[in-house]
Every structure is written in C-alpha cells, then in structure tokens.
Amino acid sequence: MSLQLRLFGGNSDAGKLTASNDGGHAIDKSKVLASTDASVITPLNPGNFSSIRSVPVVPAPRYFTKEEADAMKDLAKEKNRRCKTV
C-alpha cells in the first residue's frame, strides 16, 4: 500500500493499483529491456573514447600497482590545478 493511501485513507478499491502493477498491457519486459546493439555504451562496454580519455579504461576490476596509483594521483592533481586556473 502506498504512503499516500495510508496517510489519506482510500480504503475503497476505486483508486488502488493492482498488486502486480503490470498496467494491463501486453509489453514483453524481456524484449523491452534487451540490449539493442552490441556496441551500445553500458557499464560493461564503456565505448572507445581514446581521443578524449586521459587514462586508459581498466577492462576488469583489479588492484593498481604503486606506480599506477601514484601516476593517477599526480594526474588528478594536475587536472585539479587546471580547473582552478580556468
């Protein structure tokens, strides 16, 4: 039951939603939520923006080496300085 119905009453069945809330239509959820194309940008497929990326995309979760972490910290400091001067 929604919060509004609890607060303001509404015990009649006139304005209540059905329990499944399907909307009474024939839309297949698996087709609607299916990916449209293999090249669509998703969290698992970040796309190719090598021309504007300052660092490469990490293809899978992993720990950074100390050198990589230090380089990313330096890059972040440099970009932060650039943003403050602009």
PDB file of N, CA and C in Angstrom:
ATOM      1  N   MET A   1       0.855  -1.171   0.000  1.00  0.00           N
ATOM      2  CA  MET A   1       0.000   0.000   0.000  1.00  0.00           C
ATOM      3  C   MET A   1       0.899   1.231   0.000  1.00  0.00           C
ATOM      4  N   SER A   2       0.533   2.219  -0.770  1.00  0.00           N
ATOM      5  CA  SER A   2       1.364   3.406  -0.874  1.00  0.00           C
ATOM      6  C   SER A   2       1.219   4.284   0.358  1.00  0.00           C
ATOM      7  N   LEU A   3       2.165   5.162   0.524  1.00  0.00           N
ATOM      8  CA  LEU A   3       2.187   6.069   1.671  1.00  0.00           C
ATOM      9  C   LEU A   3       1.002   7.012   1.633  1.00  0.00           C
ATOM     10  N   GLN A   4       0.649   7.512   0.457  1.00  0.00           N
ATOM     11  CA  GLN A   4      -0.486   8.425   0.362  1.00  0.00           C
ATOM     12  C   GLN A   4      -1.780   7.741   0.783  1.00  0.00           C
ATOM     13  N   LEU A   5      -1.971   6.513   0.370  1.00  0.00           N
ATOM     14  CA  LEU A   5      -3.192   5.814   0.765  1.00  0.00           C
ATOM     15  C   LEU A   5      -3.225   5.577   2.262  1.00  0.00           C
ATOM     16  N   ARG A   6      -2.071   5.315   2.860  1.00  0.00           N
ATOM     17  CA  ARG A   6      -2.026   5.124   4.310  1.00  0.00           C
ATOM     18  C   ARG A   6      -2.333   6.422   5.041  1.00  0.00           C
ATOM     19  N   LEU A   7      -1.791   7.533   4.539  1.00  0.00           N
ATOM     20  CA  LEU A   7      -1.985   8.818   5.213  1.00  0.00           C
ATOM     21  C   LEU A   7      -3.384   9.379   5.018  1.00  0.00           C
ATOM     22  N   PHE A   8      -3.907   9.299   3.800  1.00  0.00           N
ATOM     23  CA  PHE A   8      -5.152   9.982   3.485  1.00  0.00           C
ATOM     24  C   PHE A   8      -6.333   9.037   3.301  1.00  0.00           C
ATOM     25  N   GLY A   9      -6.175   7.819   3.714  1.00  0.00           N
ATOM     26  CA  GLY A   9      -7.279   6.882   3.582  1.00  0.00           C
ATOM     27  C   GLY A   9      -7.308   6.274   2.199  1.00  0.00           C
ATOM     28  N   GLY A  10      -8.489   6.038   1.703  1.00  0.00           N
ATOM     29  CA  GLY A  10      -8.601   5.452   0.375  1.00  0.00           C
ATOM     30  C   GLY A  10      -8.756   3.954   0.465  1.00  0.00           C
ATOM     31  N   ASN A  11      -9.602   3.496   1.357  1.00  0.00           N
ATOM     32  CA  ASN A  11      -9.809   2.064   1.521  1.00  0.00           C
ATOM     33  C   ASN A  11     -10.677   1.467   0.431  1.00  0.00           C
ATOM     34  N   SER A  12     -11.276   2.320  -0.414  1.00  0.00           N
ATOM     35  CA  SER A  12     -12.099   1.764  -1.495  1.00  0.00           C
ATOM     36  C   SER A  12     -11.186   1.189  -2.577  1.00  0.00           C
ATOM     37  N   ASP A  13     -11.724   0.299  -3.364  1.00  0.00           N
ATOM     38  CA  ASP A  13     -10.944  -0.327  -4.425  1.00  0.00           C
ATOM     39  C   ASP A  13     -10.874   0.545  -5.684  1.00  0.00           C
ATOM     40  N   ALA A  14     -11.497   1.707  -5.677  1.00  0.00           N
ATOM     41  CA  ALA A  14     -11.597   2.521  -6.890  1.00  0.00           C
ATOM     42  C   ALA A  14     -10.230   3.009  -7.372  1.00  0.00           C
ATOM     43  N   GLY A  15      -9.367   3.494  -6.483  1.00  0.00           N
ATOM     44  CA  GLY A  15      -8.127   4.096  -6.923  1.00  0.00           C
ATOM     45  C   GLY A  15      -6.894   3.261  -6.695  1.00  0.00           C
ATOM     46  N   LYS A  16      -7.055   2.014  -6.271  1.00  0.00           N
ATOM     47  CA  LYS A  16      -5.894   1.180  -5.947  1.00  0.00           C
ATOM     48  C   LYS A  16      -5.283   0.570  -7.201  1.00  0.00           C
ATOM     49  N   LEU A  17      -3.961   0.415  -7.164  1.00  0.00           N
ATOM     50  CA  LEU A  17      -3.259  -0.263  -8.244  1.00  0.00           C
ATOM     51  C   LEU A  17      -3.356  -1.767  -8.025  1.00  0.00           C
ATOM     52  N   THR A  18      -3.227  -2.500  -9.078  1.00  0.00           N
ATOM     53  CA  THR A  18      -3.220  -3.948  -8.923  1.00  0.00           C
ATOM     54  C   THR A  18      -1.929  -4.362  -8.251  1.00  0.00           C
ATOM     55  N   ALA A  19      -1.907  -5.527  -7.670  1.00  0.00           N
ATOM     56  CA  ALA A  19      -0.737  -5.992  -6.919  1.00  0.00           C
ATOM     57  C   ALA A  19       0.486  -6.160  -7.810  1.00  0.00           C
ATOM     58  N   SER A  20       0.293  -6.610  -9.038  1.00  0.00           N
ATOM     59  CA  SER A  20       1.440  -6.835  -9.915  1.00  0.00           C
ATOM     60  C   SER A  20       1.874  -5.562 -10.629  1.00  0.00           C
ATOM     61  N   ASN A  21       0.979  -4.594 -10.754  1.00  0.00           N
ATOM     62  CA  ASN A  21       1.251  -3.312 -11.387  1.00  0.00           C
ATOM     63  C   ASN A  21       1.813  -3.500 -12.794  1.00  0.00           C
ATOM     64  N   ASP A  22       1.250  -4.422 -13.553  1.00  0.00           N
ATOM     65  CA  ASP A  22       1.677  -4.633 -14.935  1.00  0.00           C
ATOM     66  C   ASP A  22       1.062  -3.609 -15.870  1.00  0.00           C
ATOM     67  N   GLY A  23       0.058  -2.927 -15.439  1.00  0.00           N
ATOM     68  CA  GLY A  23      -0.557  -1.917 -16.272  1.00  0.00           C
ATOM     69  C   GLY A  23      -1.584  -2.460 -17.243  1.00  0.00           C
ATOM     70  N   GLY A  24      -1.759  -3.752 -17.269  1.00  0.00           N
ATOM     71  CA  GLY A  24      -2.758  -4.337 -18.138  1.00  0.00           C
ATOM     72  C   GLY A  24      -2.398  -4.256 -19.615  1.00  0.00           C
ATOM     73  N   HIS A  25      -1.119  -4.262 -19.957  1.00  0.00           N
ATOM     74  CA  HIS A  25      -0.710  -4.202 -21.347  1.00  0.00           C
ATOM     75  C   HIS A  25       0.037  -5.477 -21.729  1.00  0.00           C
ATOM     76  N   ALA A  26       0.321  -5.609 -22.999  1.00  0.00           N
ATOM     77  CA  ALA A  26       0.945  -6.829 -23.492  1.00  0.00           C
ATOM     78  C   ALA A  26       2.411  -6.601 -23.868  1.00  0.00           C
ATOM     79  N   ILE A  27       3.099  -5.719 -23.177  1.00  0.00           N
ATOM     80  CA  ILE A  27       4.513  -5.459 -23.473  1.00  0.00           C
ATOM     81  C   ILE A  27       5.351  -6.532 -22.792  1.00  0.00           C
ATOM     82  N   ASP A  28       6.220  -7.155 -23.552  1.00  0.00           N
ATOM     83  CA  ASP A  28       7.097  -8.189 -23.021  1.00  0.00           C
ATOM     84  C   ASP A  28       8.332  -7.521 -22.402  1.00  0.00           C
ATOM     85  N   LYS A  29       8.487  -7.630 -21.089  1.00  0.00           N
ATOM     86  CA  LYS A  29       9.579  -6.954 -20.381  1.00  0.00           C
ATOM     87  C   LYS A  29      10.944  -7.418 -20.873  1.00  0.00           C
ATOM     88  N   SER A  30      11.077  -8.672 -21.230  1.00  0.00           N
ATOM     89  CA  SER A  30      12.380  -9.161 -21.680  1.00  0.00           C
ATOM     90  C   SER A  30      12.780  -8.530 -23.014  1.00  0.00           C
ATOM     91  N   LYS A  31      11.807  -8.214 -23.854  1.00  0.00           N
ATOM     92  CA  LYS A  31      12.127  -7.555 -25.130  1.00  0.00           C
ATOM     93  C   LYS A  31      12.424  -6.074 -24.922  1.00  0.00           C
ATOM     94  N   VAL A  32      11.711  -5.434 -24.035  1.00  0.00           N
ATOM     95  CA  VAL A  32      11.917  -4.010 -23.786  1.00  0.00           C
ATOM     96  C   VAL A  32      13.283  -3.759 -23.166  1.00  0.00           C
ATOM     97  N   LEU A  33      13.708  -4.621 -22.261  1.00  0.00           N
ATOM     98  CA  LEU A  33      14.969  -4.424 -21.553  1.00  0.00           C
ATOM     99  C   LEU A  33      16.160  -5.073 -22.249  1.00  0.00           C
ATOM    100  N   ALA A  34      15.941  -5.709 -23.380  1.00  0.00           N
ATOM    101  CA  ALA A  34      17.043  -6.356 -24.102  1.00  0.00           C
ATOM    102  C   ALA A  34      17.943  -5.300 -24.732  1.00  0.00           C
ATOM    103  N   SER A  35      19.226  -5.618 -24.852  1.00  0.00           N
ATOM    104  CA  SER A  35      20.149  -4.665 -25.462  1.00  0.00           C
ATOM    105  C   SER A  35      19.819  -4.505 -26.940  1.00  0.00           C
ATOM    106  N   THR A  36      20.025  -3.302 -27.447  1.00  0.00           N
ATOM    107  CA  THR A  36      19.660  -3.012 -28.826  1.00  0.00           C
ATOM    108  C   THR A  36      20.783  -3.327 -29.796  1.00  0.00           C
ATOM    109  N   ASP A  37      22.032  -3.189 -29.339  1.00  0.00           N
ATOM    110  CA  ASP A  37      23.167  -3.388 -30.229  1.00  0.00           C
ATOM    111  C   ASP A  37      24.369  -3.737 -29.366  1.00  0.00           C
ATOM    112  N   ALA A  38      25.294  -4.495 -29.908  1.00  0.00           N
ATOM    113  CA  ALA A  38      26.477  -4.904 -29.148  1.00  0.00           C
ATOM    114  C   ALA A  38      27.412  -3.733 -28.863  1.00  0.00           C
ATOM    115  N   SER A  39      27.329  -2.664 -29.657  1.00  0.00           N
ATOM    116  CA  SER A  39      28.231  -1.534 -29.468  1.00  0.00           C
ATOM    117  C   SER A  39      27.648  -0.432 -28.585  1.00  0.00           C
ATOM    118  N   VAL A  40      26.456  -0.649 -28.025  1.00  0.00           N
ATOM    119  CA  VAL A  40      25.841   0.350 -27.155  1.00  0.00           C
ATOM    120  C   VAL A  40      26.687   0.522 -25.898  1.00  0.00           C
ATOM    121  N   ILE A  41      26.856   1.764 -25.460  1.00  0.00           N
ATOM    122  CA  ILE A  41      27.659   2.048 -24.266  1.00  0.00           C
ATOM    123  C   ILE A  41      26.899   1.601 -23.025  1.00  0.00           C
ATOM    124  N   THR A  42      27.525   0.741 -22.248  1.00  0.00           N
ATOM    125  CA  THR A  42      26.983   0.242 -20.988  1.00  0.00           C
ATOM    126  C   THR A  42      28.107   0.221 -19.971  1.00  0.00           C
ATOM    127  N   PRO A  43      27.817  -0.058 -18.701  1.00  0.00           N
ATOM    128  CA  PRO A  43      28.910  -0.169 -17.733  1.00  0.00           C
ATOM    129  C   PRO A  43      29.926  -1.247 -18.090  1.00  0.00           C
ATOM    130  N   LEU A  44      29.476  -2.296 -18.775  1.00  0.00           N
ATOM    131  CA  LEU A  44      30.397  -3.358 -19.161  1.00  0.00           C
ATOM    132  C   LEU A  44      31.045  -3.102 -20.513  1.00  0.00           C
ATOM    133  N   ASN A  45      30.524  -2.152 -21.277  1.00  0.00           N
ATOM    134  CA  ASN A  45      31.079  -1.784 -22.575  1.00  0.00           C
ATOM    135  C   ASN A  45      31.207  -0.260 -22.616  1.00  0.00           C
ATOM    136  N   PRO A  46      32.315   0.282 -22.107  1.00  0.00           N
ATOM    137  CA  PRO A  46      32.424   1.735 -21.955  1.00  0.00           C
ATOM    138  C   PRO A  46      32.618   2.500 -23.253  1.00  0.00           C
ATOM    139  N   GLY A  47      32.797   1.839 -24.364  1.00  0.00           N
ATOM    140  CA  GLY A  47      32.986   2.530 -25.629  1.00  0.00           C
ATOM    141  C   GLY A  47      34.433   2.943 -25.823  1.00  0.00           C
ATOM    142  N   ASN A  48      34.722   3.484 -26.981  1.00  0.00           N
ATOM    143  CA  ASN A  48      36.085   3.892 -27.294  1.00  0.00           C
ATOM    144  C   ASN A  48      36.149   5.412 -27.367  1.00  0.00           C
ATOM    145  N   PHE A  49      36.677   6.015 -26.323  1.00  0.00           N
ATOM    146  CA  PHE A  49      36.845   7.456 -26.276  1.00  0.00           C
ATOM    147  C   PHE A  49      38.320   7.775 -26.072  1.00  0.00           C
ATOM    148  N   SER A  50      39.187   7.044 -26.757  1.00  0.00           N
ATOM    149  CA  SER A  50      40.625   7.204 -26.548  1.00  0.00           C
ATOM    150  C   SER A  50      41.089   8.610 -26.901  1.00  0.00           C
ATOM    151  N   SER A  51      40.390   9.299 -27.774  1.00  0.00           N
ATOM    152  CA  SER A  51      40.813  10.639 -28.153  1.00  0.00           C
ATOM    153  C   SER A  51      40.577  11.659 -27.041  1.00  0.00           C
ATOM    154  N   ILE A  52      39.646  11.371 -26.124  1.00  0.00           N
ATOM    155  CA  ILE A  52      39.369  12.338 -25.060  1.00  0.00           C
ATOM    156  C   ILE A  52      39.677  11.806 -23.663  1.00  0.00           C
ATOM    157  N   ARG A  53      40.013  10.531 -23.541  1.00  0.00           N
ATOM    158  CA  ARG A  53      40.344   9.980 -22.229  1.00  0.00           C
ATOM    159  C   ARG A  53      41.779  10.331 -21.864  1.00  0.00           C
ATOM    160  N   SER A  54      41.995  10.651 -20.597  1.00  0.00           N
ATOM    161  CA  SER A  54      43.351  10.962 -20.150  1.00  0.00           C
ATOM    162  C   SER A  54      44.071   9.712 -19.648  1.00  0.00           C
ATOM    163  N   VAL A  55      43.317   8.700 -19.275  1.00  0.00           N
ATOM    164  CA  VAL A  55      43.905   7.430 -18.835  1.00  0.00           C
ATOM    165  C   VAL A  55      43.127   6.299 -19.499  1.00  0.00           C
ATOM    166  N   PRO A  56      43.750   5.156 -19.724  1.00  0.00           N
ATOM    167  CA  PRO A  56      43.025   4.048 -20.362  1.00  0.00           C
ATOM    168  C   PRO A  56      41.960   3.462 -19.438  1.00  0.00           C
ATOM    169  N   VAL A  57      40.971   2.831 -20.044  1.00  0.00           N
ATOM    170  CA  VAL A  57      39.909   2.181 -19.293  1.00  0.00           C
ATOM    171  C   VAL A  57      40.437   0.870 -18.740  1.00  0.00           C
ATOM    172  N   VAL A  58      40.140   0.605 -17.478  1.00  0.00           N
ATOM    173  CA  VAL A  58      40.538  -0.653 -16.860  1.00  0.00           C
ATOM    174  C   VAL A  58      39.488  -1.695 -17.256  1.00  0.00           C
ATOM    175  N   PRO A  59      39.866  -2.740 -17.979  1.00  0.00           N
ATOM    176  CA  PRO A  59      38.875  -3.680 -18.501  1.00  0.00           C
ATOM    177  C   PRO A  59      38.192  -4.540 -17.440  1.00  0.00           C
ATOM    178  N   ALA A  60      38.857  -4.778 -16.323  1.00  0.00           N
ATOM    179  CA  ALA A  60      38.266  -5.595 -15.264  1.00  0.00           C
ATOM    180  C   ALA A  60      38.784  -5.084 -13.918  1.00  0.00           C
ATOM    181  N   PRO A  61      38.017  -5.273 -12.858  1.00  0.00           N
ATOM    182  CA  PRO A  61      38.477  -4.817 -11.544  1.00  0.00           C
ATOM    183  C   PRO A  61      39.798  -5.486 -11.149  1.00  0.00           C
ATOM    184  N   ARG A  62      40.705  -4.681 -10.650  1.00  0.00           N
ATOM    185  CA  ARG A  62      41.987  -5.210 -10.190  1.00  0.00           C
ATOM    186  C   ARG A  62      42.634  -4.166  -9.296  1.00  0.00           C
ATOM    187  N   TYR A  63      43.652  -4.568  -8.580  1.00  0.00           N
ATOM    188  CA  TYR A  63      44.413  -3.638  -7.755  1.00  0.00           C
ATOM    189  C   TYR A  63      45.446  -2.932  -8.620  1.00  0.00           C
ATOM    190  N   PHE A  64      45.664  -1.649  -8.359  1.00  0.00           N
ATOM    191  CA  PHE A  64      46.687  -0.905  -9.074  1.00  0.00           C
ATOM    192  C   PHE A  64      48.032  -1.111  -8.403  1.00  0.00           C
ATOM    193  N   THR A  65      49.069  -1.045  -9.216  1.00  0.00           N
ATOM    194  CA  THR A  65      50.420  -1.077  -8.643  1.00  0.00           C
ATOM    195  C   THR A  65      50.691   0.290  -8.016  1.00  0.00           C
ATOM    196  N   LYS A  66      51.720   0.376  -7.199  1.00  0.00           N
ATOM    197  CA  LYS A  66      52.049   1.649  -6.551  1.00  0.00           C
ATOM    198  C   LYS A  66      52.350   2.711  -7.601  1.00  0.00           C
ATOM    199  N   GLU A  67      53.061   2.330  -8.649  1.00  0.00           N
ATOM    200  CA  GLU A  67      53.409   3.287  -9.703  1.00  0.00           C
ATOM    201  C   GLU A  67      52.151   3.813 -10.404  1.00  0.00           C
ATOM    202  N   GLU A  68      51.213   2.909 -10.702  1.00  0.00           N
ATOM    203  CA  GLU A  68      49.975   3.335 -11.348  1.00  0.00           C
ATOM    204  C   GLU A  68      49.174   4.269 -10.443  1.00  0.00           C
ATOM    205  N   ALA A  69      49.091   3.924  -9.182  1.00  0.00           N
ATOM    206  CA  ALA A  69      48.337   4.746  -8.239  1.00  0.00           C
ATOM    207  C   ALA A  69      48.967   6.128  -8.093  1.00  0.00           C
ATOM    208  N   ASP A  70      50.284   6.180  -7.991  1.00  0.00           N
ATOM    209  CA  ASP A  70      50.971   7.467  -7.876  1.00  0.00           C
ATOM    210  C   ASP A  70      50.775   8.308  -9.134  1.00  0.00           C
ATOM    211  N   ALA A  71      50.837   7.662 -10.303  1.00  0.00           N
ATOM    212  CA  ALA A  71      50.646   8.389 -11.558  1.00  0.00           C
ATOM    213  C   ALA A  71      49.231   8.955 -11.651  1.00  0.00           C
ATOM    214  N   MET A  72      48.230   8.190 -11.201  1.00  0.00           N
ATOM    215  CA  MET A  72      46.854   8.686 -11.239  1.00  0.00           C
ATOM    216  C   MET A  72      46.646   9.816 -10.248  1.00  0.00           C
ATOM    217  N   LYS A  73      47.292   9.745  -9.099  1.00  0.00           N
ATOM    218  CA  LYS A  73      47.201  10.845  -8.134  1.00  0.00           C
ATOM    219  C   LYS A  73      47.821  12.114  -8.714  1.00  0.00           C
ATOM    220  N   ASP A  74      48.960  11.975  -9.361  1.00  0.00           N
ATOM    221  CA  ASP A  74      49.615  13.131  -9.976  1.00  0.00           C
ATOM    222  C   ASP A  74      48.741  13.725 -11.079  1.00  0.00           C
ATOM    223  N   LEU A  75      48.129  12.861 -11.876  1.00  0.00           N
ATOM    224  CA  LEU A  75      47.254  13.325 -12.944  1.00  0.00           C
ATOM    225  C   LEU A  75      46.048  14.065 -12.368  1.00  0.00           C
ATOM    226  N   ALA A  76      45.474  13.538 -11.296  1.00  0.00           N
ATOM    227  CA  ALA A  76      44.328  14.189 -10.659  1.00  0.00           C
ATOM    228  C   ALA A  76      44.727  15.561 -10.118  1.00  0.00           C
ATOM    229  N   LYS A  77      45.907  15.666  -9.520  1.00  0.00           N
ATOM    230  CA  LYS A  77      46.374  16.961  -9.013  1.00  0.00           C
ATOM    231  C   LYS A  77      46.551  17.952 -10.155  1.00  0.00           C
ATOM    232  N   GLU A  78      47.127  17.477 -11.269  1.00  0.00           N
ATOM    233  CA  GLU A  78      47.344  18.347 -12.418  1.00  0.00           C
ATOM    234  C   GLU A  78      46.018  18.845 -12.984  1.00  0.00           C
ATOM    235  N   LYS A  79      45.055  17.941 -13.136  1.00  0.00           N
ATOM    236  CA  LYS A  79      43.746  18.333 -13.668  1.00  0.00           C
ATOM    237  C   LYS A  79      43.031  19.278 -12.702  1.00  0.00           C
ATOM    238  N   ASN A  80      43.211  19.075 -11.410  1.00  0.00           N
ATOM    239  CA  ASN A  80      42.598  19.940 -10.416  1.00  0.00           C
ATOM    240  C   ASN A  80      43.178  21.344 -10.511  1.00  0.00           C
ATOM    241  N   ARG A  81      44.483  21.438 -10.710  1.00  0.00           N
ATOM    242  CA  ARG A  81      45.122  22.753 -10.869  1.00  0.00           C
ATOM    243  C   ARG A  81      44.626  23.447 -12.132  1.00  0.00           C
ATOM    244  N   ARG A  82      44.455  22.684 -13.220  1.00  0.00           N
ATOM    245  CA  ARG A  82      43.970  23.271 -14.470  1.00  0.00           C
ATOM    246  C   ARG A  82      42.557  23.822 -14.306  1.00  0.00           C
ATOM    247  N   CYS A  83      41.719  23.092 -13.585  1.00  0.00           N
ATOM    248  CA  CYS A  83      40.334  23.531 -13.398  1.00  0.00           C
ATOM    249  C   CYS A  83      40.275  24.798 -12.557  1.00  0.00           C
ATOM    250  N   LYS A  84      41.152  24.938 -11.603  1.00  0.00           N
ATOM    251  CA  LYS A  84      41.147  26.120 -10.752  1.00  0.00           C
ATOM    252  C   LYS A  84      41.649  27.347 -11.482  1.00  0.00           C
ATOM    253  N   THR A  85      42.526  27.180 -12.491  1.00  0.00           N
ATOM    254  CA  THR A  85      43.060  28.320 -13.208  1.00  0.00           C
ATOM    255  C   THR A  85      42.163  28.759 -14.352  1.00  0.00           C
ATOM    256  N   VAL A  86      41.227  27.916 -14.760  1.00  0.00           N
ATOM    257  CA  VAL A  86      40.357  28.260 -15.899  1.00  0.00           C
ATOM    258  C   VAL A  86      39.229  29.123 -15.472  1.00  0.00           C
TER     259      VAL A  86
END
